[in-house]
Amino acid sequence: MSIERRNFPQFFITAPAPCPYLEGRQERKVFTHLINADARQLHDTLAQGGFRRSQNIAYRPACDSCNACVSVRVPVDRFRWTRTFRRIFQRNSDLSGTRQPASATTEQYQLFRRYIDDRHYDGGMSDMAMMDFTAMVDETFVDTQIIEYRLPAQPSLAGPDHREGELVAAALTDILDDGLSMIYSFFAPEPASRSLGTFMVLDHIERARRLGLPHVYLGYWVDGSAKMDYKARFLPQERLTQTGWQLIGQRGQSHHE
């Protein structure tokens, strides 16, 4: 009995390109497409192996002589709520977080532009137009949602048909069999005291706990990259090594699953 090759995903590798995280280095990625009825199951499997999703592509670094990019996930039941984390969570308790379909809106794009222009004006997403943003949000064959975080509606401004406050943060999130995967998040630059980026991670940890999901996937932590340092704060966390997921930050000890 023959096995049809179309039942197996095809993997490709990109040509070398400048690394967006570490100056002077080149990056390569191995990737496959998530475009058919098996997309969700394949995505779940690949996520556990360190792949990330971008639109209908699942990818992971495949760089020559460099392994600085490390897939990171937070084990929800073991996560340590520090005083700082609790203060940030409480500081944003006035926000309402609601799940929305993965369908881009003009309001989301305007917030995205504010975020990019303030935080990543020289990055690879700096020239994204509404069409590009729509593709990032809408093009998915897996279980995806966008979580919107809003301020309370202002009574003085709210008309009879107005039910929502200002959108101040949003997170494009995939729902996996074993957790929530934060694909991309963006937020209003001001006020910085809210620490909205940190708050969204904490909120996803709480959401995963309520859903009975064991992990929150944060993407890649890159040793030596200042823009990725924040991911190392969420402890304990699991990092994917050549021998499997390794738990770090648990009372100063680590072990392999």
Protein backbone atom coordinates (compact mmCIF):
# COMPACT_ATOMS: atom_id res chain seq x y z
CA MET A 1 0.00 0.00 0.00
CA SER A 2 1.41 3.35 -1.00
CA ILE A 3 1.32 6.50 1.09
CA GLU A 4 0.44 9.68 -0.75
CA ARG A 5 3.01 12.42 -0.17
CA ARG A 6 0.32 15.07 -0.05
CA ASN A 7 -0.61 13.82 3.42
CA PHE A 8 2.73 15.04 4.74
CA PRO A 9 3.69 18.72 5.13
CA GLN A 10 6.44 20.01 2.89
CA PHE A 11 9.15 22.04 4.57
CA PHE A 12 11.23 24.76 2.95
CA ILE A 13 14.15 26.91 4.06
CA THR A 14 14.66 30.59 3.41
CA ALA A 15 17.75 32.23 2.01
CA PRO A 16 20.02 34.03 4.51
CA ALA A 17 18.81 37.51 5.51
CA PRO A 18 19.93 40.08 8.12
CA CYS A 19 18.90 39.03 11.63
CA PRO A 20 16.30 41.42 13.11
CA TYR A 21 17.46 40.70 16.67
CA LEU A 22 21.25 40.43 16.69
CA GLU A 23 23.29 42.93 14.73
CA GLY A 24 25.75 41.54 12.22
CA ARG A 25 24.20 38.08 12.04
CA GLN A 26 22.24 36.30 9.34
CA GLU A 27 19.02 34.39 9.87
CA ARG A 28 17.41 31.49 8.06
CA LYS A 29 14.04 29.89 8.73
CA VAL A 30 12.49 26.54 8.01
CA PHE A 31 8.78 26.81 7.25
CA THR A 32 5.68 25.03 6.03
CA HIS A 33 2.17 26.07 5.05
CA LEU A 34 -0.93 25.79 7.24
CA ILE A 35 -3.60 25.84 4.57
CA ASN A 36 -5.78 22.74 4.67
CA ALA A 37 -8.16 20.79 6.88
CA ASP A 38 -5.23 19.43 8.90
CA ALA A 39 -3.85 22.92 9.63
CA ARG A 40 -4.95 23.03 13.27
CA GLN A 41 -3.58 19.61 14.19
CA LEU A 42 -0.32 20.33 12.38
CA HIS A 43 -0.07 23.73 14.08
CA ASP A 44 -0.51 22.15 17.52
CA THR A 45 2.22 19.61 16.83
CA LEU A 46 4.65 22.15 15.40
CA ALA A 47 4.09 24.61 18.25
CA GLN A 48 5.23 21.97 20.72
CA GLY A 49 8.35 21.66 18.59
CA GLY A 50 9.17 25.36 18.72
CA PHE A 51 7.44 26.62 15.58
CA ARG A 52 5.59 29.94 15.43
CA ARG A 53 2.79 31.04 13.15
CA SER A 54 2.69 34.05 10.83
CA GLN A 55 -0.50 34.17 8.73
CA ASN A 56 -0.63 30.74 7.03
CA ILE A 57 3.02 29.92 7.64
CA ALA A 58 4.54 27.94 10.51
CA TYR A 59 8.25 28.64 10.92
CA ARG A 60 11.21 28.28 13.23
CA PRO A 61 14.81 29.53 13.09
CA ALA A 62 17.32 27.37 11.23
CA CYS A 63 20.38 29.60 11.41
CA ASP A 64 23.88 28.41 10.67
CA SER A 65 26.09 28.34 13.81
CA CYS A 66 23.58 30.23 15.96
CA ASN A 67 20.90 29.02 18.37
CA ALA A 68 20.15 32.27 20.20
CA CYS A 69 16.40 32.07 19.45
CA VAL A 70 14.76 29.88 22.10
CA SER A 71 11.07 28.99 22.16
CA VAL A 72 9.53 29.97 25.51
CA ARG A 73 6.29 29.00 27.21
CA VAL A 74 4.91 29.66 30.69
CA PRO A 75 3.55 26.71 32.71
CA VAL A 76 0.36 28.25 34.02
CA ASP A 77 0.04 26.29 37.27
CA ARG A 78 3.65 26.99 38.26
CA PHE A 79 3.75 30.67 37.35
CA ARG A 80 4.97 32.88 40.19
CA TRP A 81 2.92 36.03 40.78
CA THR A 82 5.42 38.54 42.14
CA ARG A 83 4.36 41.73 43.89
CA THR A 84 5.20 43.68 40.73
CA PHE A 85 3.04 41.43 38.58
CA ARG A 86 0.14 41.69 41.03
CA ARG A 87 0.40 45.49 41.05
CA ILE A 88 0.37 45.63 37.24
CA PHE A 89 -2.60 43.30 37.07
CA GLN A 90 -4.52 45.35 39.63
CA ARG A 91 -3.56 48.63 37.96
CA ASN A 92 -5.35 47.47 34.82
CA SER A 93 -8.39 45.98 36.53
CA ASP A 94 -10.55 48.68 34.98
CA LEU A 95 -9.91 47.33 31.48
CA SER A 96 -12.37 44.98 29.83
CA GLY A 97 -10.83 42.20 27.76
CA THR A 98 -13.12 40.63 25.18
CA ARG A 99 -12.49 37.93 22.58
CA GLN A 100 -13.18 38.97 19.02
CA PRO A 101 -13.04 37.03 15.74
CA ALA A 102 -9.77 37.26 13.84
CA SER A 103 -11.04 40.02 11.59
CA ALA A 104 -9.07 43.27 11.39
CA THR A 105 -10.75 46.61 12.04
CA THR A 106 -9.71 50.17 11.29
CA GLU A 107 -9.67 50.90 15.03
CA GLN A 108 -7.21 48.05 15.63
CA TYR A 109 -4.98 49.22 12.79
CA GLN A 110 -4.89 52.78 14.13
CA LEU A 111 -3.74 51.47 17.51
CA PHE A 112 -1.22 49.19 15.79
CA ARG A 113 0.22 52.21 13.90
CA ARG A 114 0.56 54.19 17.14
CA TYR A 115 2.41 51.27 18.70
CA ILE A 116 4.72 50.67 15.74
CA ASP A 117 5.52 54.36 15.25
CA ASP A 118 6.46 54.68 18.93
CA ARG A 119 8.20 51.37 19.64
CA HIS A 120 9.35 49.85 16.33
CA TYR A 121 9.58 52.70 13.83
CA ASP A 122 12.81 51.26 12.39
CA GLY A 123 11.67 47.61 12.34
CA GLY A 124 10.41 45.31 9.66
CA MET A 125 6.74 46.19 10.31
CA SER A 126 7.21 49.95 10.09
CA ASP A 127 5.75 50.22 6.60
CA MET A 128 2.72 47.96 7.12
CA ALA A 129 -0.43 49.39 5.57
CA MET A 130 -4.01 48.45 6.47
CA MET A 131 -3.94 45.69 3.84
CA ASP A 132 -0.84 44.13 5.43
CA PHE A 133 -2.35 44.35 8.90
CA THR A 134 -5.55 42.72 7.66
CA ALA A 135 -3.55 39.84 6.20
CA MET A 136 -1.70 39.38 9.52
CA VAL A 137 -4.97 39.13 11.44
CA ASP A 138 -7.37 37.50 8.99
CA GLU A 139 -5.27 34.92 7.17
CA THR A 140 -5.50 31.88 9.41
CA PHE A 141 -6.75 28.31 9.07
CA VAL A 142 -6.31 27.61 12.79
CA ASP A 143 -8.31 28.65 15.87
CA THR A 144 -7.42 32.32 16.20
CA GLN A 145 -8.95 35.24 18.02
CA ILE A 146 -8.00 38.81 18.80
CA ILE A 147 -8.48 39.94 22.37
CA GLU A 148 -9.33 43.62 22.71
CA TYR A 149 -8.65 45.56 25.91
CA ARG A 150 -10.73 48.69 26.43
CA LEU A 151 -11.08 51.49 28.94
CA PRO A 152 -14.50 51.99 30.52
CA ALA A 153 -16.85 53.99 28.31
CA GLN A 154 -17.03 57.66 29.28
CA PRO A 155 -20.62 58.56 30.30
CA SER A 156 -20.27 62.10 28.99
CA LEU A 157 -19.30 60.84 25.54
CA ALA A 158 -21.44 57.74 25.31
CA GLY A 159 -24.51 58.10 23.18
CA PRO A 160 -27.45 55.67 23.23
CA ASP A 161 -25.71 53.41 20.73
CA HIS A 162 -22.23 53.66 22.25
CA ARG A 163 -21.27 50.68 24.37
CA GLU A 164 -17.46 50.51 24.16
CA GLY A 165 -14.60 52.44 25.67
CA GLU A 166 -11.32 53.35 24.01
CA LEU A 167 -9.26 50.46 22.63
CA VAL A 168 -5.85 50.59 24.35
CA ALA A 169 -4.39 47.13 23.69
CA ALA A 170 -4.95 44.01 21.61
CA ALA A 171 -3.44 40.55 21.28
CA LEU A 172 -3.69 38.21 18.30
CA THR A 173 -3.87 34.79 19.95
CA ASP A 174 -4.04 31.18 18.77
CA ILE A 175 -5.85 28.55 20.84
CA LEU A 176 -3.85 25.33 20.93
CA ASP A 177 -4.70 21.99 22.48
CA ASP A 178 -2.16 22.65 25.23
CA GLY A 179 -2.27 26.41 25.62
CA LEU A 180 -2.63 29.92 24.28
CA SER A 181 -0.05 31.18 21.80
CA MET A 182 0.46 34.95 21.74
CA ILE A 183 1.15 35.67 18.07
CA TYR A 184 1.39 39.45 18.23
CA SER A 185 0.32 42.12 20.69
CA PHE A 186 0.25 45.90 20.50
CA PHE A 187 -0.89 48.69 22.77
CA ALA A 188 -1.14 52.42 23.37
CA PRO A 189 2.30 53.84 24.26
CA GLU A 190 0.82 56.10 26.96
CA PRO A 191 0.48 55.96 29.85
CA ALA A 192 3.59 53.83 30.29
CA SER A 193 2.70 53.29 33.95
CA ARG A 194 0.06 50.76 32.93
CA SER A 195 2.73 48.35 31.56
CA LEU A 196 0.18 47.07 29.06
CA GLY A 197 2.56 44.64 27.36
CA THR A 198 3.24 42.88 30.65
CA PHE A 199 -0.43 43.03 31.60
CA MET A 200 -1.51 41.21 28.44
CA VAL A 201 0.86 38.33 29.19
CA LEU A 202 -0.49 38.11 32.74
CA ASP A 203 -4.06 38.23 31.46
CA HIS A 204 -3.32 35.38 29.03
CA ILE A 205 -1.90 33.32 31.88
CA GLU A 206 -5.17 33.85 33.77
CA ARG A 207 -7.24 33.07 30.68
CA ALA A 208 -5.34 29.84 30.09
CA ARG A 209 -5.83 28.86 33.73
CA ARG A 210 -9.60 29.41 33.47
CA LEU A 211 -9.72 27.38 30.26
CA GLY A 212 -7.77 24.53 31.83
CA LEU A 213 -4.86 24.97 29.39
CA PRO A 214 -1.39 24.29 30.78
CA HIS A 215 0.76 26.76 28.81
CA VAL A 216 1.06 30.25 27.39
CA TYR A 217 3.46 30.36 24.45
CA LEU A 218 5.41 33.63 24.24
CA GLY A 219 7.39 33.00 21.07
CA TYR A 220 11.17 33.34 21.00
CA TRP A 221 13.42 34.65 23.71
CA VAL A 222 16.67 35.78 22.10
CA ASP A 223 19.74 35.84 24.29
CA GLY A 224 21.45 39.18 23.73
CA SER A 225 18.44 40.98 22.26
CA ALA A 226 17.18 43.86 24.41
CA LYS A 227 13.76 43.85 22.74
CA MET A 228 13.21 40.23 23.81
CA ASP A 229 14.53 40.52 27.37
CA TYR A 230 11.06 41.02 28.84
CA LYS A 231 10.12 37.39 28.17
CA ALA A 232 12.70 36.19 30.69
CA ARG A 233 10.75 37.87 33.50
CA PHE A 234 7.84 35.42 33.46
CA LEU A 235 9.08 32.67 35.75
CA PRO A 236 9.23 29.81 36.04
CA GLN A 237 9.21 29.20 32.33
CA GLU A 238 10.03 26.38 29.97
CA ARG A 239 12.59 26.81 27.19
CA LEU A 240 12.93 24.37 24.33
CA THR A 241 16.36 22.77 24.12
CA GLN A 242 17.77 19.95 22.01
CA THR A 243 16.67 17.52 24.72
CA GLY A 244 13.17 18.88 25.20
CA TRP A 245 11.42 21.54 27.25
CA GLN A 246 13.57 22.65 30.16
CA LEU A 247 12.06 24.30 33.24
CA ILE A 248 14.02 27.27 34.57
CA GLY A 249 13.45 29.77 37.35
CA GLN A 250 11.91 27.32 39.83
CA ARG A 251 13.71 28.16 43.06
CA GLY A 252 16.96 28.50 41.17
CA GLN A 253 16.83 24.96 39.84
CA SER A 254 16.09 23.46 36.44
CA HIS A 255 15.15 20.04 35.14
CA HIS A 256 14.03 18.34 31.96
CA GLU A 257 10.52 17.10 31.37
